[in-house]
Structures are given as structure tokens and as C-alpha cells.
Amino acid sequence: MAPLATAFADTVRRHTTAASALVVLAAAWWWQLAALDGSGELVWLAVTAFSVLTGFAALGWLRPARVGITAPQAMMLLGTLGMLGGLAIDTHRLGLVTIAWMCQAQAPDFFTLLRLHLEWMPAMHLGMVVGGLGALIWLRRTRPGCRRQFCARFVQNLACSTWMMVGMVAGVMLYYRIAAWVGTSGGVPEMLGGMIGGMVWGMVVSVMLYRAFLGLVPLRTSQK
């Protein structure tokens, strides 16, 4: 068993992008399958798979995994688990159906939906931030060289979490727009898929901005 476990661990280390994407997608599907209301909603599992897998492919292109897991992947893994753990607490108070209905009612207005997201699901957002901070601690312990890099900085971690929150709200709005376009009412699977898919793409935007910033720093230095 030990050689098999070692071989499996080595395979995961070589393919952290795929492994991270599958874990996040599995977590999303777990919640979506539990909330399905008829076979017609199965399509949202496919839409969620597309958004999550393409988002992780973009992260893998922007931040290739050279030595084990990357900072964005670690944040997505622990952030997603923290988010869903917090959502489980929030749903005891309101229920997923009620939350989905309120999100659908406010979806046309991004800032209103963002504010109500924070009001209705505080534990979900707190769990996502705590998960992101957990990734920071994990990276500092497993990759000592990361201490000198931007991936282990507290402010950058919070910036990534902020973009993940923005992505969640934008994802819900997009999924509900798609639902309206195909003639269905936005429900729980759409909301869950939009939040998790939006989180991934929020991280993509954060990494893109970070890389753009890194590209500007040498330019400014050379101009001086």
C-alpha cells in the first residue's frame, strides 16, 4: 500500500491543476445534486463543470505548477471548502431555496446583490476568507521560499478573497441571465454553480491583475 500511496501523491503533485479543479468541482456537484429539483436541472452541473474547469485551466496557464500546489490553487481549494462550510451554517437560518429566490429577485443590481449576499450569508463569506488565510499558512509552512514572494503576503491574500467575492456575485448574475435566456427560473443549482464558478474566475482576474502589476514594476524601475 505504501508504494501505491507514494505513486498517487507524486501524480497529484505533478498534476495539481487538474487535482484542484476536480476537488472544487466535486464539492460543487455534491451541493447541486442535493438541491436538484428534476432532471431538467442537470444541465447546470455541466455549465458548472465548464466554468470551473476552464477557470482552473486559465489559472494553470497564468501560474504553472512548478513545485507542487500554487498559491491560487491552494486558496481555491481551502476557500471553497470554507465557503461551503459557512453556507451550511447560513442555510440553517434561511434555507437554500429562500436564499436563491432572494438572489434572483436582486440579481439585476450587482451592488445590491453584493450587499445582500454579505447580509444573508455572512458565515459563507467568512468561511471563504478563513480558508484563504489557511492557504497562506499552509504555503508558508510547506514552501519556505514563498515567504519572500507575494503569494504569502496578507494583503494580497485579502485582495484575492475580495475578487473571489466579486466573482461569486457576478457568477450568480450570469447564471441567472442564462436561465432567463433559456426560459427557466433561477433556482438553487444555478445559484450554487454561479457562486463557485464565479469564485474561480474571480481568482483568475486577481492573478491577471497581479501579473500585470509585476510587469509594470520593472518598467517603472527602468524609467527611473
Protein backbone atom coordinates (compact mmCIF):
# COMPACT_ATOMS: atom_id res chain seq x y z
CA MET A 1 0.00 0.00 0.00
CA ALA A 2 2.84 2.40 0.76
CA PRO A 3 4.24 2.37 -2.82
CA LEU A 4 0.76 2.95 -4.20
CA ALA A 5 0.20 5.88 -1.84
CA THR A 6 3.57 7.35 -2.79
CA ALA A 7 2.85 6.97 -6.50
CA PHE A 8 -0.57 8.59 -6.07
CA ALA A 9 0.92 11.51 -4.13
CA ASP A 10 3.57 12.01 -6.83
CA THR A 11 0.90 12.00 -9.54
CA VAL A 12 -1.14 14.60 -7.67
CA ARG A 13 1.95 16.82 -7.23
CA ARG A 14 2.62 16.65 -10.97
CA HIS A 15 -0.97 17.47 -11.85
CA THR A 16 -2.07 19.90 -9.13
CA THR A 17 -4.20 21.98 -11.51
CA ALA A 18 -6.34 19.02 -12.53
CA ALA A 19 -6.50 17.64 -8.98
CA SER A 20 -7.55 21.01 -7.52
CA ALA A 21 -10.17 21.52 -10.22
CA LEU A 22 -11.69 18.09 -9.62
CA VAL A 23 -11.92 18.63 -5.86
CA VAL A 24 -13.65 22.01 -6.28
CA LEU A 25 -15.98 20.61 -8.96
CA ALA A 26 -16.84 17.61 -6.81
CA ALA A 27 -17.74 19.91 -3.91
CA ALA A 28 -19.95 22.00 -6.20
CA TRP A 29 -21.68 18.95 -7.67
CA TRP A 30 -22.28 17.50 -4.21
CA TRP A 31 -24.31 20.53 -3.24
CA GLN A 32 -26.02 20.87 -6.62
CA LEU A 33 -27.08 17.21 -6.71
CA ALA A 34 -28.53 17.52 -3.22
CA ALA A 35 -30.59 20.52 -4.37
CA LEU A 36 -31.79 19.18 -7.75
CA ASP A 37 -35.50 19.60 -8.44
CA GLY A 38 -35.97 17.44 -11.52
CA SER A 39 -33.78 16.11 -14.34
CA GLY A 40 -34.12 19.41 -16.22
CA GLU A 41 -31.67 21.00 -13.79
CA LEU A 42 -28.89 18.53 -14.59
CA VAL A 43 -27.72 20.90 -17.31
CA TRP A 44 -26.44 23.23 -14.59
CA LEU A 45 -23.96 20.59 -13.50
CA ALA A 46 -22.49 20.72 -17.00
CA VAL A 47 -22.44 24.52 -17.00
CA THR A 48 -20.72 24.49 -13.61
CA ALA A 49 -18.16 21.95 -14.85
CA PHE A 50 -17.39 24.19 -17.83
CA SER A 51 -16.90 27.31 -15.71
CA VAL A 52 -14.79 25.57 -13.05
CA LEU A 53 -12.58 23.56 -15.43
CA THR A 54 -11.95 26.46 -17.84
CA GLY A 55 -11.21 28.71 -14.87
CA PHE A 56 -8.64 26.29 -13.49
CA ALA A 57 -7.15 25.87 -16.96
CA ALA A 58 -6.70 29.65 -17.07
CA LEU A 59 -5.09 29.58 -13.61
CA GLY A 60 -2.77 26.80 -14.74
CA TRP A 61 -1.72 28.86 -17.73
CA LEU A 62 -1.19 32.03 -15.68
CA ARG A 63 0.55 30.27 -12.77
CA PRO A 64 2.05 26.93 -13.87
CA ALA A 65 2.64 24.49 -11.03
CA ARG A 66 6.43 24.13 -10.92
CA VAL A 67 6.80 22.78 -7.38
CA GLY A 68 3.61 21.31 -6.01
CA ILE A 69 0.47 23.33 -5.49
CA THR A 70 0.38 27.02 -6.40
CA ALA A 71 -0.96 29.81 -4.21
CA PRO A 72 -4.16 30.35 -6.30
CA GLN A 73 -4.89 26.63 -6.29
CA ALA A 74 -4.42 26.39 -2.52
CA MET A 75 -6.69 29.40 -1.99
CA MET A 76 -9.36 27.95 -4.26
CA LEU A 77 -9.29 24.59 -2.50
CA LEU A 78 -9.44 25.85 1.07
CA GLY A 79 -11.57 28.87 0.16
CA THR A 80 -14.20 26.64 -1.48
CA LEU A 81 -14.29 24.26 1.48
CA GLY A 82 -14.57 27.18 3.89
CA MET A 83 -17.26 28.80 1.77
CA LEU A 84 -19.41 25.66 1.64
CA GLY A 85 -18.90 25.04 5.35
CA GLY A 86 -20.10 28.56 6.09
CA LEU A 87 -23.01 28.15 3.66
CA ALA A 88 -24.14 25.10 5.61
CA ILE A 89 -24.43 27.34 8.68
CA ASP A 90 -26.27 30.09 6.79
CA THR A 91 -28.81 27.68 5.26
CA HIS A 92 -29.94 26.55 8.71
CA ARG A 93 -31.24 30.08 9.22
CA LEU A 94 -32.83 30.82 5.85
CA GLY A 95 -32.73 27.74 3.64
CA LEU A 96 -31.19 27.42 0.17
CA VAL A 97 -34.49 27.91 -1.65
CA THR A 98 -35.19 31.18 0.15
CA ILE A 99 -31.65 32.43 -0.49
CA ALA A 100 -31.89 31.50 -4.19
CA TRP A 101 -35.23 33.29 -4.52
CA MET A 102 -33.87 36.45 -2.91
CA CYS A 103 -30.76 36.32 -5.11
CA GLN A 104 -32.91 36.00 -8.21
CA ALA A 105 -35.04 38.97 -7.15
CA GLN A 106 -31.97 41.19 -6.69
CA ALA A 107 -29.75 39.77 -9.48
CA PRO A 108 -30.10 42.68 -11.94
CA ASP A 109 -28.34 45.04 -9.49
CA PHE A 110 -24.75 43.97 -8.78
CA PHE A 111 -24.08 46.18 -5.76
CA THR A 112 -27.44 45.44 -4.15
CA LEU A 113 -26.87 41.74 -4.61
CA LEU A 114 -23.34 42.04 -3.20
CA ARG A 115 -24.62 43.84 -0.10
CA LEU A 116 -27.43 41.33 0.42
CA HIS A 117 -25.02 38.43 -0.11
CA LEU A 118 -22.98 39.71 2.81
CA GLU A 119 -26.11 40.20 4.92
CA TRP A 120 -27.79 36.88 4.12
CA MET A 121 -24.71 34.64 4.05
CA PRO A 122 -22.11 36.08 6.45
CA ALA A 123 -20.78 32.67 7.51
CA MET A 124 -20.23 31.68 3.88
CA HIS A 125 -18.07 34.73 3.17
CA LEU A 126 -16.24 34.43 6.48
CA GLY A 127 -15.52 30.77 5.75
CA MET A 128 -14.10 31.66 2.35
CA VAL A 129 -11.78 34.31 3.83
CA VAL A 130 -10.66 31.98 6.62
CA GLY A 131 -9.98 29.26 4.06
CA GLY A 132 -7.86 31.70 2.07
CA LEU A 133 -5.88 32.61 5.17
CA GLY A 134 -5.45 28.92 5.89
CA ALA A 135 -3.90 28.56 2.43
CA LEU A 136 -1.45 31.34 3.31
CA ILE A 137 -0.35 29.46 6.46
CA TRP A 138 -0.13 26.20 4.52
CA LEU A 139 2.08 27.74 1.82
CA ARG A 140 4.41 29.39 4.33
CA ARG A 141 4.99 26.07 6.10
CA THR A 142 5.33 23.85 3.03
CA ARG A 143 7.20 26.31 0.81
CA PRO A 144 9.66 28.41 2.86
CA GLY A 145 10.70 30.36 -0.25
CA CYS A 146 7.14 31.60 -0.54
CA ARG A 147 7.72 33.85 2.48
CA ARG A 148 9.69 36.19 0.22
CA GLN A 149 7.08 36.14 -2.53
CA PHE A 150 3.83 37.98 -3.00
CA CYS A 151 1.78 34.77 -2.67
CA ALA A 152 2.43 34.71 1.09
CA ARG A 153 1.52 38.32 1.79
CA PHE A 154 -1.53 39.03 3.91
CA VAL A 155 -2.77 41.98 1.84
CA GLN A 156 -2.51 40.02 -1.42
CA ASN A 157 -4.43 37.16 0.19
CA LEU A 158 -7.26 39.53 1.15
CA ALA A 159 -7.22 41.05 -2.34
CA CYS A 160 -7.69 37.57 -3.83
CA SER A 161 -10.54 36.88 -1.40
CA THR A 162 -12.19 40.16 -2.43
CA TRP A 163 -12.03 39.22 -6.10
CA MET A 164 -13.45 35.80 -5.27
CA MET A 165 -16.41 37.52 -3.56
CA VAL A 166 -16.93 39.77 -6.58
CA GLY A 167 -16.74 36.71 -8.81
CA MET A 168 -19.37 34.91 -6.74
CA VAL A 169 -21.89 37.70 -7.19
CA ALA A 170 -21.07 38.14 -10.90
CA GLY A 171 -21.34 34.38 -11.40
CA VAL A 172 -24.80 34.23 -9.84
CA MET A 173 -25.94 37.11 -12.05
CA LEU A 174 -24.54 35.41 -15.16
CA TYR A 175 -26.13 32.05 -14.38
CA TYR A 176 -29.50 33.69 -13.76
CA ARG A 177 -29.18 35.57 -17.06
CA ILE A 178 -28.54 32.25 -18.81
CA ALA A 179 -31.53 30.72 -17.01
CA ALA A 180 -33.76 33.57 -18.17
CA TRP A 181 -32.40 33.27 -21.71
CA VAL A 182 -33.24 29.53 -21.91
CA GLY A 183 -36.62 30.16 -20.31
CA THR A 184 -36.19 28.67 -16.85
CA SER A 185 -36.42 30.19 -13.40
CA GLY A 186 -33.19 30.61 -11.48
CA GLY A 187 -33.04 28.09 -8.66
CA VAL A 188 -30.58 26.60 -6.18
CA PRO A 189 -28.34 24.68 -8.66
CA GLU A 190 -27.92 27.84 -10.72
CA MET A 191 -27.05 29.89 -7.64
CA LEU A 192 -24.54 27.34 -6.36
CA GLY A 193 -22.92 26.91 -9.76
CA GLY A 194 -22.72 30.64 -10.26
CA MET A 195 -21.10 31.21 -6.88
CA ILE A 196 -18.44 28.52 -7.22
CA GLY A 197 -17.73 29.09 -10.90
CA GLY A 198 -17.61 32.82 -10.23
CA MET A 199 -15.15 32.30 -7.37
CA VAL A 200 -12.75 30.52 -9.71
CA TRP A 201 -12.93 33.24 -12.33
CA GLY A 202 -12.62 35.91 -9.66
CA MET A 203 -9.30 34.30 -8.75
CA VAL A 204 -8.33 34.33 -12.44
CA VAL A 205 -8.95 38.08 -12.59
CA SER A 206 -6.93 38.59 -9.39
CA VAL A 207 -3.96 36.65 -10.77
CA MET A 208 -4.15 38.52 -14.10
CA LEU A 209 -4.04 41.87 -12.29
CA TYR A 210 -1.14 40.68 -10.12
CA ARG A 211 0.86 39.58 -13.15
CA ALA A 212 0.12 42.88 -14.86
CA PHE A 213 1.39 44.68 -11.75
CA LEU A 214 4.57 42.61 -11.78
CA GLY A 215 5.06 43.55 -15.42
CA LEU A 216 4.80 47.25 -14.59
CA VAL A 217 7.30 47.18 -11.71
CA PRO A 218 10.44 46.57 -13.86
CA LEU A 219 9.19 49.17 -16.34
CA ARG A 220 8.89 51.82 -13.63
CA THR A 221 12.30 50.87 -12.23
CA SER A 222 13.96 51.17 -15.63
CA GLN A 223 12.33 54.56 -16.24
CA LYS A 224 13.90 55.88 -13.04
